[in-house]
Structure formats: structure tokens, C-alpha cells
N, C-alpha and C. Protein backbone atom coordinates (compact mmCIF):
# COMPACT_ATOMS: atom_id res chain seq x y z
N UNK A 1 29.20 -177.40 -123.57
CA UNK A 1 30.09 -177.11 -122.47
C UNK A 1 29.53 -175.97 -121.70
N UNK A 2 29.37 -176.13 -120.36
CA UNK A 2 28.82 -175.10 -119.59
C UNK A 2 29.85 -174.03 -119.24
N UNK A 3 29.44 -172.72 -119.21
CA UNK A 3 30.42 -171.67 -118.86
C UNK A 3 30.92 -171.85 -117.45
N UNK A 4 32.15 -171.42 -117.19
CA UNK A 4 32.72 -171.52 -115.84
C UNK A 4 31.99 -170.64 -114.85
N UNK A 5 31.74 -171.20 -113.68
CA UNK A 5 31.07 -170.39 -112.66
C UNK A 5 32.09 -169.54 -111.95
N UNK A 6 31.64 -168.58 -111.12
CA UNK A 6 32.56 -167.74 -110.36
C UNK A 6 33.36 -168.53 -109.38
N UNK A 7 32.73 -169.63 -108.82
CA UNK A 7 33.45 -170.44 -107.94
C UNK A 7 34.60 -171.19 -108.61
N UNK A 8 34.28 -171.75 -109.80
CA UNK A 8 35.36 -172.44 -110.48
C UNK A 8 36.48 -171.51 -110.92
N UNK A 9 36.11 -170.25 -111.32
CA UNK A 9 37.08 -169.31 -111.69
C UNK A 9 37.96 -168.94 -110.45
N UNK A 10 37.37 -168.80 -109.32
CA UNK A 10 38.10 -168.48 -108.08
C UNK A 10 39.12 -169.62 -107.77
N UNK A 11 38.69 -170.84 -107.90
CA UNK A 11 39.54 -172.01 -107.59
C UNK A 11 40.69 -171.97 -108.63
N UNK A 12 40.36 -171.74 -109.88
CA UNK A 12 41.41 -171.75 -110.91
C UNK A 12 42.41 -170.63 -110.66
N UNK A 13 41.96 -169.51 -110.29
CA UNK A 13 42.86 -168.35 -110.01
C UNK A 13 43.76 -168.63 -108.82
N UNK A 14 43.17 -169.24 -107.77
CA UNK A 14 43.89 -169.59 -106.64
C UNK A 14 45.02 -170.67 -106.97
N UNK A 15 44.63 -171.65 -107.79
CA UNK A 15 45.58 -172.65 -108.12
C UNK A 15 46.69 -172.00 -108.97
N UNK A 16 46.29 -171.14 -109.88
CA UNK A 16 47.34 -170.51 -110.74
C UNK A 16 48.31 -169.66 -109.92
N UNK A 17 47.74 -168.86 -108.99
CA UNK A 17 48.62 -168.01 -108.18
C UNK A 17 49.55 -168.90 -107.34
N UNK A 18 48.96 -169.99 -106.77
CA UNK A 18 49.82 -170.90 -105.97
C UNK A 18 50.90 -171.52 -106.84
N UNK A 19 50.57 -171.92 -108.02
CA UNK A 19 51.50 -172.53 -108.93
C UNK A 19 52.63 -171.60 -109.30
N UNK A 20 52.37 -170.30 -109.45
CA UNK A 20 53.34 -169.40 -109.81
C UNK A 20 54.15 -168.84 -108.65
N UNK A 21 53.83 -169.29 -107.45
CA UNK A 21 54.49 -168.87 -106.23
C UNK A 21 54.51 -167.37 -106.15
N UNK A 22 53.38 -166.77 -106.31
CA UNK A 22 53.27 -165.33 -106.20
C UNK A 22 53.57 -164.84 -104.80
N UNK A 23 53.00 -165.56 -103.82
CA UNK A 23 53.26 -165.27 -102.44
C UNK A 23 54.43 -166.04 -101.88
N UNK A 24 55.31 -165.36 -101.17
CA UNK A 24 56.53 -166.08 -100.66
C UNK A 24 56.08 -167.11 -99.59
N UNK A 25 56.77 -168.28 -99.71
CA UNK A 25 56.44 -169.37 -98.74
C UNK A 25 57.22 -169.23 -97.49
N UNK A 26 58.44 -168.61 -97.61
CA UNK A 26 59.30 -168.53 -96.43
C UNK A 26 58.92 -167.32 -95.60
N UNK A 27 59.16 -167.37 -94.32
CA UNK A 27 58.86 -166.23 -93.42
C UNK A 27 60.13 -165.54 -92.97
N UNK A 28 61.25 -165.93 -93.50
CA UNK A 28 62.50 -165.26 -93.09
C UNK A 28 62.53 -163.81 -93.62
N UNK A 29 63.07 -162.85 -92.86
CA UNK A 29 63.12 -161.50 -93.32
C UNK A 29 64.01 -161.35 -94.54
N UNK A 30 63.64 -160.41 -95.43
CA UNK A 30 64.51 -160.10 -96.56
C UNK A 30 65.56 -159.17 -96.07
N UNK A 31 66.81 -159.44 -96.33
CA UNK A 31 67.95 -158.54 -95.93
C UNK A 31 68.50 -157.95 -97.23
N UNK A 32 68.61 -156.66 -97.24
CA UNK A 32 69.12 -156.01 -98.46
C UNK A 32 69.85 -154.72 -98.11
N UNK A 33 70.74 -154.30 -98.95
CA UNK A 33 71.53 -153.11 -98.75
C UNK A 33 71.53 -152.26 -100.02
N UNK A 34 71.52 -150.93 -99.86
CA UNK A 34 71.58 -150.05 -100.97
C UNK A 34 72.93 -150.17 -101.65
N UNK A 35 72.95 -149.90 -102.97
CA UNK A 35 74.18 -150.09 -103.74
C UNK A 35 75.15 -148.90 -103.66
N UNK A 36 74.61 -147.65 -103.68
CA UNK A 36 75.49 -146.44 -103.62
C UNK A 36 74.70 -145.31 -103.10
N UNK A 37 75.30 -144.39 -102.33
CA UNK A 37 74.56 -143.27 -101.79
C UNK A 37 74.27 -142.17 -102.78
N UNK A 38 73.16 -141.48 -102.62
CA UNK A 38 72.87 -140.29 -103.37
C UNK A 38 73.59 -139.14 -102.60
N UNK A 39 74.15 -138.17 -103.21
CA UNK A 39 74.92 -137.14 -102.50
C UNK A 39 74.70 -135.75 -103.15
N UNK A 40 75.06 -134.73 -102.42
CA UNK A 40 75.18 -133.39 -103.06
C UNK A 40 76.64 -133.14 -103.30
N UNK A 41 76.98 -132.53 -104.50
CA UNK A 41 78.36 -132.20 -104.77
C UNK A 41 78.94 -131.20 -103.82
N UNK A 42 80.26 -131.26 -103.57
CA UNK A 42 80.91 -130.39 -102.64
C UNK A 42 80.78 -128.89 -103.00
N UNK A 43 80.48 -128.63 -104.33
CA UNK A 43 80.34 -127.23 -104.78
C UNK A 43 79.02 -126.61 -104.41
N UNK A 44 78.13 -127.41 -103.80
CA UNK A 44 76.82 -126.86 -103.45
C UNK A 44 76.93 -125.94 -102.29
N UNK A 45 75.83 -125.19 -101.95
CA UNK A 45 75.81 -124.31 -100.82
C UNK A 45 75.47 -125.00 -99.48
N UNK A 46 75.50 -126.30 -99.50
CA UNK A 46 75.21 -127.07 -98.35
C UNK A 46 76.46 -127.86 -97.84
N UNK A 47 76.58 -127.94 -96.54
CA UNK A 47 77.73 -128.75 -95.96
C UNK A 47 77.21 -129.98 -95.36
N UNK A 48 78.01 -131.06 -95.44
CA UNK A 48 77.66 -132.36 -94.91
C UNK A 48 77.75 -132.28 -93.43
N UNK A 49 76.65 -132.66 -92.68
CA UNK A 49 76.70 -132.59 -91.22
C UNK A 49 76.49 -133.94 -90.57
N UNK A 50 76.01 -134.89 -91.31
CA UNK A 50 75.87 -136.28 -90.76
C UNK A 50 75.79 -137.25 -91.95
N UNK A 51 76.31 -138.48 -91.67
CA UNK A 51 76.25 -139.54 -92.67
C UNK A 51 76.36 -140.87 -91.96
N UNK A 52 75.92 -141.91 -92.62
CA UNK A 52 75.99 -143.25 -92.02
C UNK A 52 75.28 -144.27 -92.90
N UNK A 53 75.13 -145.46 -92.32
CA UNK A 53 74.42 -146.55 -93.00
C UNK A 53 73.51 -147.26 -91.99
N UNK A 54 72.50 -146.63 -91.52
CA UNK A 54 71.60 -147.20 -90.51
C UNK A 54 70.86 -148.44 -91.10
N UNK A 55 70.50 -149.36 -90.19
CA UNK A 55 69.66 -150.50 -90.59
C UNK A 55 68.21 -150.23 -90.19
N UNK A 56 67.31 -150.44 -91.08
CA UNK A 56 65.90 -150.22 -90.88
C UNK A 56 65.19 -151.59 -90.85
N UNK A 57 64.42 -151.82 -89.85
CA UNK A 57 63.62 -153.02 -89.78
C UNK A 57 62.17 -152.69 -89.90
N UNK A 58 61.42 -153.22 -90.88
CA UNK A 58 60.03 -152.87 -91.08
C UNK A 58 59.32 -154.02 -91.72
N UNK A 59 58.05 -153.89 -91.92
CA UNK A 59 57.20 -154.91 -92.57
C UNK A 59 56.51 -154.23 -93.83
N UNK A 60 56.83 -154.74 -94.95
CA UNK A 60 56.28 -154.22 -96.24
C UNK A 60 55.06 -155.06 -96.61
N UNK A 61 53.95 -154.33 -96.91
CA UNK A 61 52.72 -155.00 -97.27
C UNK A 61 52.37 -154.71 -98.74
N UNK A 62 51.96 -155.82 -99.43
CA UNK A 62 51.58 -155.62 -100.85
C UNK A 62 50.15 -156.20 -100.95
N UNK A 63 49.25 -155.39 -101.47
CA UNK A 63 47.84 -155.89 -101.71
C UNK A 63 47.60 -156.11 -103.23
N UNK A 64 47.03 -157.27 -103.47
CA UNK A 64 46.61 -157.61 -104.87
C UNK A 64 45.11 -157.55 -104.89
N UNK A 65 44.56 -156.71 -105.81
CA UNK A 65 43.09 -156.61 -105.92
C UNK A 65 42.64 -157.15 -107.26
N UNK A 66 41.38 -157.47 -107.31
CA UNK A 66 40.77 -158.04 -108.51
C UNK A 66 39.74 -159.09 -108.11
N UNK A 67 39.61 -160.09 -108.92
CA UNK A 67 38.70 -161.17 -108.55
C UNK A 67 39.13 -161.94 -107.33
N UNK A 68 40.47 -161.94 -107.14
CA UNK A 68 41.07 -162.60 -105.96
C UNK A 68 41.75 -161.50 -105.10
N UNK A 69 41.38 -161.42 -103.87
CA UNK A 69 41.98 -160.43 -102.99
C UNK A 69 43.11 -161.11 -102.17
N UNK A 70 44.32 -160.64 -102.33
CA UNK A 70 45.44 -161.26 -101.65
C UNK A 70 46.29 -160.13 -100.97
N UNK A 71 46.85 -160.46 -99.84
CA UNK A 71 47.71 -159.54 -99.11
C UNK A 71 48.98 -160.29 -98.76
N UNK A 72 50.13 -159.71 -99.05
CA UNK A 72 51.40 -160.34 -98.74
C UNK A 72 52.15 -159.38 -97.76
N UNK A 73 52.61 -159.88 -96.66
CA UNK A 73 53.41 -159.09 -95.75
C UNK A 73 54.79 -159.74 -95.56
N UNK A 74 55.80 -158.93 -95.65
CA UNK A 74 57.15 -159.44 -95.58
C UNK A 74 58.01 -158.53 -94.72
N UNK A 75 58.71 -159.12 -93.75
CA UNK A 75 59.62 -158.39 -92.86
C UNK A 75 60.87 -158.09 -93.74
N UNK A 76 61.33 -156.88 -93.55
CA UNK A 76 62.51 -156.41 -94.34
C UNK A 76 63.57 -155.83 -93.40
N UNK A 77 64.81 -156.19 -93.57
CA UNK A 77 65.92 -155.56 -92.81
C UNK A 77 66.76 -154.87 -93.92
N UNK A 78 66.72 -153.57 -93.99
CA UNK A 78 67.37 -152.82 -95.00
C UNK A 78 68.45 -151.94 -94.49
N UNK A 79 69.63 -151.94 -95.14
CA UNK A 79 70.69 -151.05 -94.79
C UNK A 79 70.64 -149.87 -95.75
N UNK A 80 70.51 -148.66 -95.16
CA UNK A 80 70.22 -147.46 -95.93
C UNK A 80 71.38 -146.46 -95.86
N UNK A 81 71.72 -145.90 -96.98
CA UNK A 81 72.75 -144.81 -96.94
C UNK A 81 72.04 -143.52 -96.53
N UNK A 82 72.70 -142.79 -95.63
CA UNK A 82 72.14 -141.51 -95.15
C UNK A 82 73.14 -140.37 -95.25
N UNK A 83 72.73 -139.30 -95.92
CA UNK A 83 73.54 -138.09 -96.03
C UNK A 83 72.69 -136.91 -95.65
N UNK A 84 73.12 -136.11 -94.61
CA UNK A 84 72.38 -134.95 -94.16
C UNK A 84 73.24 -133.75 -94.35
N UNK A 85 72.66 -132.69 -95.03
CA UNK A 85 73.38 -131.43 -95.27
C UNK A 85 72.66 -130.29 -94.65
N UNK A 86 73.42 -129.22 -94.50
CA UNK A 86 72.87 -127.94 -93.90
C UNK A 86 73.39 -126.74 -94.65
N UNK A 87 72.47 -125.82 -94.89
CA UNK A 87 72.89 -124.56 -95.55
C UNK A 87 73.32 -123.52 -94.56
N UNK A 88 73.83 -122.41 -95.00
CA UNK A 88 74.27 -121.32 -94.11
C UNK A 88 73.08 -120.74 -93.32
N UNK A 89 71.89 -120.90 -93.91
CA UNK A 89 70.70 -120.32 -93.19
C UNK A 89 70.14 -121.34 -92.18
N UNK A 90 70.67 -122.55 -92.12
CA UNK A 90 70.22 -123.54 -91.17
C UNK A 90 69.22 -124.52 -91.76
N UNK A 91 68.88 -124.39 -93.06
CA UNK A 91 67.95 -125.40 -93.71
C UNK A 91 68.70 -126.75 -93.84
N UNK A 92 67.95 -127.81 -93.56
CA UNK A 92 68.46 -129.15 -93.69
C UNK A 92 68.04 -129.78 -95.00
N UNK A 93 68.92 -130.63 -95.54
CA UNK A 93 68.56 -131.36 -96.80
C UNK A 93 69.11 -132.75 -96.59
N UNK A 94 68.22 -133.73 -96.56
CA UNK A 94 68.64 -135.12 -96.29
C UNK A 94 68.36 -136.05 -97.48
N UNK A 95 69.29 -137.01 -97.68
CA UNK A 95 69.14 -137.98 -98.76
C UNK A 95 69.27 -139.34 -98.16
N UNK A 96 68.23 -140.16 -98.37
CA UNK A 96 68.15 -141.52 -97.91
C UNK A 96 68.08 -142.48 -99.11
N UNK A 97 69.09 -143.36 -99.22
CA UNK A 97 69.11 -144.27 -100.33
C UNK A 97 68.86 -145.71 -99.83
N UNK A 98 67.73 -146.26 -100.19
CA UNK A 98 67.29 -147.59 -99.65
C UNK A 98 67.25 -148.60 -100.80
N UNK A 99 67.52 -149.90 -100.52
CA UNK A 99 67.35 -150.91 -101.54
C UNK A 99 65.89 -151.18 -101.80
N UNK A 100 65.54 -151.24 -103.06
CA UNK A 100 64.21 -151.55 -103.54
C UNK A 100 64.09 -153.09 -103.46
N UNK A 101 63.18 -153.60 -102.63
CA UNK A 101 63.11 -154.99 -102.36
C UNK A 101 61.89 -155.70 -103.10
N UNK A 102 62.07 -156.87 -103.60
CA UNK A 102 61.03 -157.64 -104.25
C UNK A 102 60.28 -158.43 -103.13
N UNK A 103 59.12 -158.03 -102.84
CA UNK A 103 58.35 -158.62 -101.74
C UNK A 103 57.74 -159.89 -102.16
N UNK A 104 57.34 -160.04 -103.39
CA UNK A 104 56.76 -161.29 -103.90
C UNK A 104 57.52 -161.72 -105.18
N UNK A 105 57.28 -162.86 -105.66
CA UNK A 105 58.01 -163.42 -106.80
C UNK A 105 57.52 -162.95 -108.11
N UNK A 106 57.49 -161.62 -108.31
CA UNK A 106 57.19 -161.04 -109.58
C UNK A 106 58.04 -159.81 -109.78
N UNK A 107 58.68 -159.66 -110.92
CA UNK A 107 59.63 -158.64 -111.11
C UNK A 107 59.09 -157.21 -110.94
N UNK A 108 57.74 -157.06 -111.28
CA UNK A 108 57.22 -155.68 -111.20
C UNK A 108 56.74 -155.26 -109.85
N UNK A 109 56.73 -156.26 -108.86
CA UNK A 109 56.29 -155.90 -107.52
C UNK A 109 57.51 -155.61 -106.64
N UNK A 110 57.94 -154.40 -106.69
CA UNK A 110 59.15 -153.96 -105.97
C UNK A 110 58.74 -152.78 -105.06
N UNK A 111 59.22 -152.73 -103.86
CA UNK A 111 58.83 -151.70 -102.93
C UNK A 111 60.07 -151.06 -102.22
N UNK A 112 59.90 -149.76 -101.96
CA UNK A 112 60.92 -149.01 -101.18
C UNK A 112 60.57 -149.27 -99.71
N UNK A 113 61.39 -149.92 -98.87
CA UNK A 113 61.05 -150.20 -97.48
C UNK A 113 60.80 -148.94 -96.67
N UNK A 114 61.37 -147.78 -97.07
CA UNK A 114 61.10 -146.60 -96.33
C UNK A 114 59.66 -146.12 -96.38
N UNK A 115 58.91 -146.60 -97.40
CA UNK A 115 57.49 -146.19 -97.49
C UNK A 115 56.73 -146.93 -96.36
N UNK A 116 57.26 -148.00 -95.76
CA UNK A 116 56.56 -148.68 -94.69
C UNK A 116 57.04 -148.23 -93.29
N UNK A 117 57.89 -147.24 -93.26
CA UNK A 117 58.44 -146.70 -92.01
C UNK A 117 57.66 -145.49 -91.62
N UNK A 118 57.48 -145.28 -90.32
CA UNK A 118 56.77 -144.11 -89.77
C UNK A 118 57.36 -142.85 -90.31
N UNK A 119 56.50 -141.84 -90.73
CA UNK A 119 57.01 -140.60 -91.29
C UNK A 119 57.97 -139.87 -90.37
N UNK A 120 57.67 -139.83 -89.10
CA UNK A 120 58.55 -139.14 -88.14
C UNK A 120 59.96 -139.77 -88.12
N UNK A 121 60.02 -141.04 -88.22
CA UNK A 121 61.32 -141.76 -88.21
C UNK A 121 62.14 -141.42 -89.56
N UNK A 122 61.41 -141.35 -90.62
CA UNK A 122 62.07 -141.08 -91.90
C UNK A 122 62.58 -139.66 -91.88
N UNK A 123 61.76 -138.70 -91.44
CA UNK A 123 62.20 -137.30 -91.35
C UNK A 123 63.34 -137.09 -90.35
N UNK A 124 63.30 -137.80 -89.25
CA UNK A 124 64.43 -137.76 -88.30
C UNK A 124 65.71 -138.22 -88.90
N UNK A 125 65.63 -139.32 -89.70
CA UNK A 125 66.85 -139.83 -90.35
C UNK A 125 67.41 -138.76 -91.41
N UNK A 126 66.46 -138.17 -92.10
CA UNK A 126 66.84 -137.27 -93.24
C UNK A 126 67.32 -135.92 -92.72
N UNK A 127 66.90 -135.52 -91.51
CA UNK A 127 67.25 -134.19 -91.05
C UNK A 127 68.23 -134.22 -89.83
N UNK A 128 68.48 -135.41 -89.25
CA UNK A 128 69.30 -135.63 -88.12
C UNK A 128 68.82 -134.69 -86.95
N UNK A 129 67.52 -134.66 -86.70
CA UNK A 129 66.91 -133.88 -85.64
C UNK A 129 65.90 -134.72 -84.88
N UNK A 130 65.47 -134.23 -83.72
CA UNK A 130 64.39 -134.84 -82.97
C UNK A 130 63.09 -134.41 -83.58
N UNK A 131 62.21 -135.34 -84.00
CA UNK A 131 60.96 -135.04 -84.68
C UNK A 131 59.81 -135.38 -83.76
N UNK A 132 58.96 -134.40 -83.47
CA UNK A 132 57.81 -134.68 -82.62
C UNK A 132 56.61 -135.20 -83.36
N UNK A 133 56.36 -134.57 -84.48
CA UNK A 133 55.18 -135.08 -85.32
C UNK A 133 55.35 -134.60 -86.77
N UNK A 134 54.59 -135.27 -87.65
CA UNK A 134 54.62 -134.88 -89.08
C UNK A 134 53.18 -134.90 -89.56
N UNK A 135 52.77 -133.83 -90.24
CA UNK A 135 51.41 -133.77 -90.77
C UNK A 135 51.25 -134.70 -92.01
N UNK A 136 50.08 -134.78 -92.51
CA UNK A 136 49.84 -135.55 -93.76
C UNK A 136 50.62 -134.90 -94.91
N UNK A 137 51.19 -135.76 -95.74
CA UNK A 137 51.86 -135.22 -96.94
C UNK A 137 50.84 -134.92 -98.03
N UNK A 138 51.06 -133.86 -98.77
CA UNK A 138 50.15 -133.48 -99.87
C UNK A 138 50.97 -133.10 -101.08
N UNK A 139 50.33 -133.33 -102.26
CA UNK A 139 51.08 -133.02 -103.52
C UNK A 139 51.21 -131.51 -103.66
N UNK A 140 52.39 -131.09 -104.11
CA UNK A 140 52.60 -129.66 -104.29
C UNK A 140 53.59 -129.42 -105.46
N UNK A 141 53.12 -129.63 -106.67
CA UNK A 141 53.98 -129.39 -107.77
C UNK A 141 54.86 -130.60 -108.11
N UNK A 142 55.96 -130.37 -108.78
CA UNK A 142 56.92 -131.42 -109.15
C UNK A 142 58.33 -130.92 -108.93
N UNK A 143 59.24 -131.88 -108.97
CA UNK A 143 60.68 -131.55 -108.84
C UNK A 143 61.43 -132.66 -109.58
N UNK A 144 62.67 -132.32 -109.92
CA UNK A 144 63.51 -133.33 -110.61
C UNK A 144 64.59 -133.77 -109.66
N UNK A 145 64.71 -135.13 -109.51
CA UNK A 145 65.72 -135.77 -108.64
C UNK A 145 66.39 -136.87 -109.49
N UNK A 146 67.72 -136.74 -109.60
CA UNK A 146 68.54 -137.69 -110.39
C UNK A 146 67.98 -137.86 -111.75
N UNK A 147 67.59 -136.75 -112.36
CA UNK A 147 67.19 -136.72 -113.78
C UNK A 147 65.78 -137.21 -114.01
N UNK A 148 64.98 -137.51 -112.96
CA UNK A 148 63.65 -137.95 -113.07
C UNK A 148 62.68 -136.95 -112.46
N UNK A 149 61.76 -136.47 -113.26
CA UNK A 149 60.73 -135.57 -112.72
C UNK A 149 59.65 -136.33 -112.01
N UNK A 150 59.31 -135.92 -110.80
CA UNK A 150 58.37 -136.63 -110.00
C UNK A 150 57.56 -135.70 -109.16
N UNK A 151 56.61 -136.24 -108.44
CA UNK A 151 55.71 -135.39 -107.57
C UNK A 151 56.44 -134.86 -106.38
N UNK A 152 56.26 -133.61 -106.08
CA UNK A 152 56.85 -132.97 -104.90
C UNK A 152 55.80 -132.95 -103.80
N UNK A 153 56.11 -133.54 -102.68
CA UNK A 153 55.16 -133.60 -101.57
C UNK A 153 55.59 -132.63 -100.47
N UNK A 154 54.62 -131.99 -99.82
CA UNK A 154 54.95 -131.07 -98.70
C UNK A 154 54.15 -131.44 -97.45
N UNK A 155 54.76 -131.00 -96.33
CA UNK A 155 54.11 -131.28 -95.02
C UNK A 155 54.71 -130.32 -94.01
N UNK A 156 54.23 -130.32 -92.81
CA UNK A 156 54.83 -129.59 -91.69
C UNK A 156 55.20 -130.59 -90.62
N UNK A 157 56.28 -130.24 -89.87
CA UNK A 157 56.71 -131.11 -88.82
C UNK A 157 57.23 -130.30 -87.66
N UNK A 158 57.26 -130.96 -86.47
CA UNK A 158 57.86 -130.34 -85.29
C UNK A 158 59.27 -130.93 -85.16
N UNK A 159 60.24 -130.05 -85.45
CA UNK A 159 61.61 -130.42 -85.40
C UNK A 159 62.33 -129.67 -84.26
N UNK A 160 62.87 -130.38 -83.32
CA UNK A 160 63.50 -129.75 -82.14
C UNK A 160 62.60 -128.79 -81.41
N UNK A 161 61.32 -129.06 -81.45
CA UNK A 161 60.34 -128.24 -80.73
C UNK A 161 59.77 -127.11 -81.54
N UNK A 162 60.25 -126.92 -82.81
CA UNK A 162 59.78 -125.83 -83.65
C UNK A 162 59.07 -126.39 -84.86
N UNK A 163 58.04 -125.69 -85.31
CA UNK A 163 57.34 -126.20 -86.53
C UNK A 163 58.09 -125.70 -87.78
N UNK A 164 58.34 -126.66 -88.69
CA UNK A 164 59.09 -126.39 -89.88
C UNK A 164 58.37 -126.98 -91.08
N UNK A 165 58.49 -126.33 -92.21
CA UNK A 165 57.91 -126.84 -93.44
C UNK A 165 58.83 -127.89 -94.04
N UNK A 166 58.32 -128.85 -94.73
CA UNK A 166 59.09 -129.90 -95.32
C UNK A 166 58.70 -130.09 -96.82
N UNK A 167 59.62 -130.51 -97.66
CA UNK A 167 59.33 -130.88 -99.03
C UNK A 167 60.07 -132.21 -99.24
N UNK A 168 59.35 -133.18 -99.91
CA UNK A 168 59.89 -134.51 -100.09
C UNK A 168 59.77 -134.93 -101.58
N UNK A 169 60.82 -135.53 -102.11
CA UNK A 169 60.76 -136.09 -103.44
C UNK A 169 61.39 -137.51 -103.33
N UNK A 170 60.75 -138.47 -104.09
CA UNK A 170 61.18 -139.88 -104.03
C UNK A 170 61.22 -140.47 -105.46
N UNK A 171 62.34 -141.10 -105.82
CA UNK A 171 62.46 -141.71 -107.17
C UNK A 171 63.17 -143.05 -107.08
N UNK A 172 62.95 -143.89 -108.10
CA UNK A 172 63.74 -145.13 -108.22
C UNK A 172 65.04 -144.74 -108.88
N UNK A 173 66.16 -145.45 -108.51
CA UNK A 173 67.46 -145.23 -109.07
C UNK A 173 68.14 -146.58 -109.18
N UNK A 174 68.01 -147.21 -110.34
CA UNK A 174 68.51 -148.57 -110.52
C UNK A 174 67.87 -149.51 -109.61
N UNK A 175 68.61 -150.24 -108.80
CA UNK A 175 68.04 -151.21 -107.85
C UNK A 175 67.67 -150.57 -106.51
N UNK A 176 67.84 -149.27 -106.38
CA UNK A 176 67.57 -148.55 -105.13
C UNK A 176 66.43 -147.55 -105.28
N UNK A 177 66.04 -146.98 -104.18
CA UNK A 177 65.12 -145.86 -104.17
C UNK A 177 65.77 -144.71 -103.39
N UNK A 178 65.60 -143.48 -103.82
CA UNK A 178 66.17 -142.35 -103.21
C UNK A 178 65.09 -141.43 -102.69
N UNK A 179 65.10 -141.06 -101.42
CA UNK A 179 64.18 -140.14 -100.79
C UNK A 179 65.01 -138.88 -100.40
N UNK A 180 64.53 -137.70 -100.85
CA UNK A 180 65.18 -136.41 -100.48
C UNK A 180 64.17 -135.61 -99.73
N UNK A 181 64.58 -135.12 -98.56
CA UNK A 181 63.64 -134.28 -97.73
C UNK A 181 64.39 -132.97 -97.35
N UNK A 182 63.70 -131.84 -97.60
CA UNK A 182 64.26 -130.57 -97.34
C UNK A 182 63.40 -129.82 -96.26
N UNK A 183 64.03 -129.07 -95.40
CA UNK A 183 63.30 -128.24 -94.47
C UNK A 183 63.25 -126.82 -95.07
N UNK A 184 62.27 -126.05 -94.57
CA UNK A 184 62.10 -124.62 -94.97
C UNK A 184 62.09 -124.49 -96.49
N UNK A 185 61.30 -125.25 -97.21
CA UNK A 185 61.36 -125.20 -98.69
C UNK A 185 60.85 -123.85 -99.21
N UNK A 186 60.09 -123.13 -98.46
CA UNK A 186 59.52 -121.85 -98.96
C UNK A 186 60.52 -120.71 -98.90
N UNK A 187 61.58 -120.87 -98.10
CA UNK A 187 62.62 -119.78 -98.05
C UNK A 187 63.63 -119.89 -99.12
N UNK A 188 63.98 -121.08 -99.59
CA UNK A 188 64.95 -121.23 -100.64
C UNK A 188 64.63 -122.53 -101.37
N UNK A 189 64.89 -122.52 -102.68
CA UNK A 189 64.56 -123.78 -103.45
C UNK A 189 65.49 -124.89 -103.04
N UNK A 190 64.97 -126.02 -102.60
CA UNK A 190 65.84 -127.16 -102.20
C UNK A 190 66.59 -127.64 -103.40
N UNK A 191 67.83 -128.16 -103.21
CA UNK A 191 68.72 -128.51 -104.29
C UNK A 191 68.44 -129.95 -104.83
N UNK A 192 67.18 -130.30 -105.07
CA UNK A 192 66.85 -131.57 -105.58
C UNK A 192 67.54 -131.86 -106.87
N UNK A 193 67.59 -130.89 -107.78
CA UNK A 193 68.26 -131.10 -109.04
C UNK A 193 69.74 -131.28 -109.07
N UNK A 194 70.36 -130.91 -107.94
CA UNK A 194 71.88 -131.00 -107.88
C UNK A 194 72.33 -132.31 -107.37
N UNK A 195 71.41 -133.26 -106.95
CA UNK A 195 71.81 -134.49 -106.37
C UNK A 195 72.45 -135.37 -107.44
N UNK A 196 73.53 -136.11 -107.03
CA UNK A 196 74.17 -137.04 -107.96
C UNK A 196 74.36 -138.39 -107.26
N UNK A 197 74.65 -139.38 -108.09
CA UNK A 197 74.82 -140.74 -107.50
C UNK A 197 75.76 -141.51 -108.38
N UNK A 198 76.78 -142.07 -107.85
CA UNK A 198 77.77 -142.81 -108.60
C UNK A 198 77.52 -144.29 -108.49
N UNK A 199 76.65 -144.82 -109.38
CA UNK A 199 76.26 -146.20 -109.31
C UNK A 199 76.14 -146.81 -110.73
């Protein structure tokens, strides 16, 4: 018996992937809503200044690498819970709870639709301000959100015409994903650890 050639292996992989319906056949957008909002308790030093359930329309892309290169793109319409808080010093702290969507027919391939949204749009939602620009995010230590320790990302942005420092933390929470963004993180420790969620 002759060993399989790369071509026959490619054909077999393609057939296997097609048979498993890895890539979605329909082109209809995925519509999903977050289950419950992440919030700060009333006893915190922050006051609620904005809330709502905006709808986000975006396109989520998933790349599969290996012997077979595949890319799947799926339009997503997601309803997101938004809570924006402000401290006495004027620092903003925003919580965005988005549904984690399954882009392809595999349980482990789940994406937060907010990761496919422009950074300025996400920061604007989280801070309830006009955002001119956002620099590249970079890793800067870690923080705990909803009991999960994760990477803390920092950047600078132009908010209402002024440059402000930002800190961002993102975690999975059940069937949802929670993104927390704080302004002026160097002046006071953002209340990432105080966030709760009733789900």
C-alpha cells in the first residue's frame, strides 16, 4: 500500500471538514443577546451615569490554520448590556456584557463579538463619551474580574478632546463575555474586583 500523498491528505481533510459542517452553510446573521449585565454594587465609590442595551452589528472572523487553511466570516447582531459609572474625581468605569457567539459548528469556537468592533466604538460605549482615537492596547499586569484573573491591557485615548489613560479587562462569564474599561487608571485603582453579575 502506498503512503498517502499531500494531495490525497488535503482532499481527505476537505471532505472531513465538509462532512462535519465546520463552516456554516447559511449566510443569515447570528442574532444573540447577553443573559445578564455585569454591574458595580451600589456601595461602591462610583455612581451609575448611563445604562442601556445597545445593538451591535459586526462581522466575526475565525481563521483555522494547519494543513488546511480556512477562514469563516459570520455577520453578528448582538444585544449588549451597558453600564457606565463615574467616580467623584470624574473617572469613568464601563461594563459591557456581550453574548459569546458560536461562529462555526464546534463548541470550542466561540467569540466575543465586541472583539470585532472598532476600539473607539467600544471605548465610547464603555465611557459614554465622544472618542477621537485609541492607541494600540498593550499588556500591563493582570486584574481580577468576576473571580477570574486575566491580562490587564492599557492604552491612551482622546475622550471629549482630552487625552486619557485607559485600562481594559475582558473575561468569559457563562454564555457571555464581559469587558470592563476604566479611565485614568494611574490615579486610582479601577474597581475590577468589585464587579458582580446575577446570572
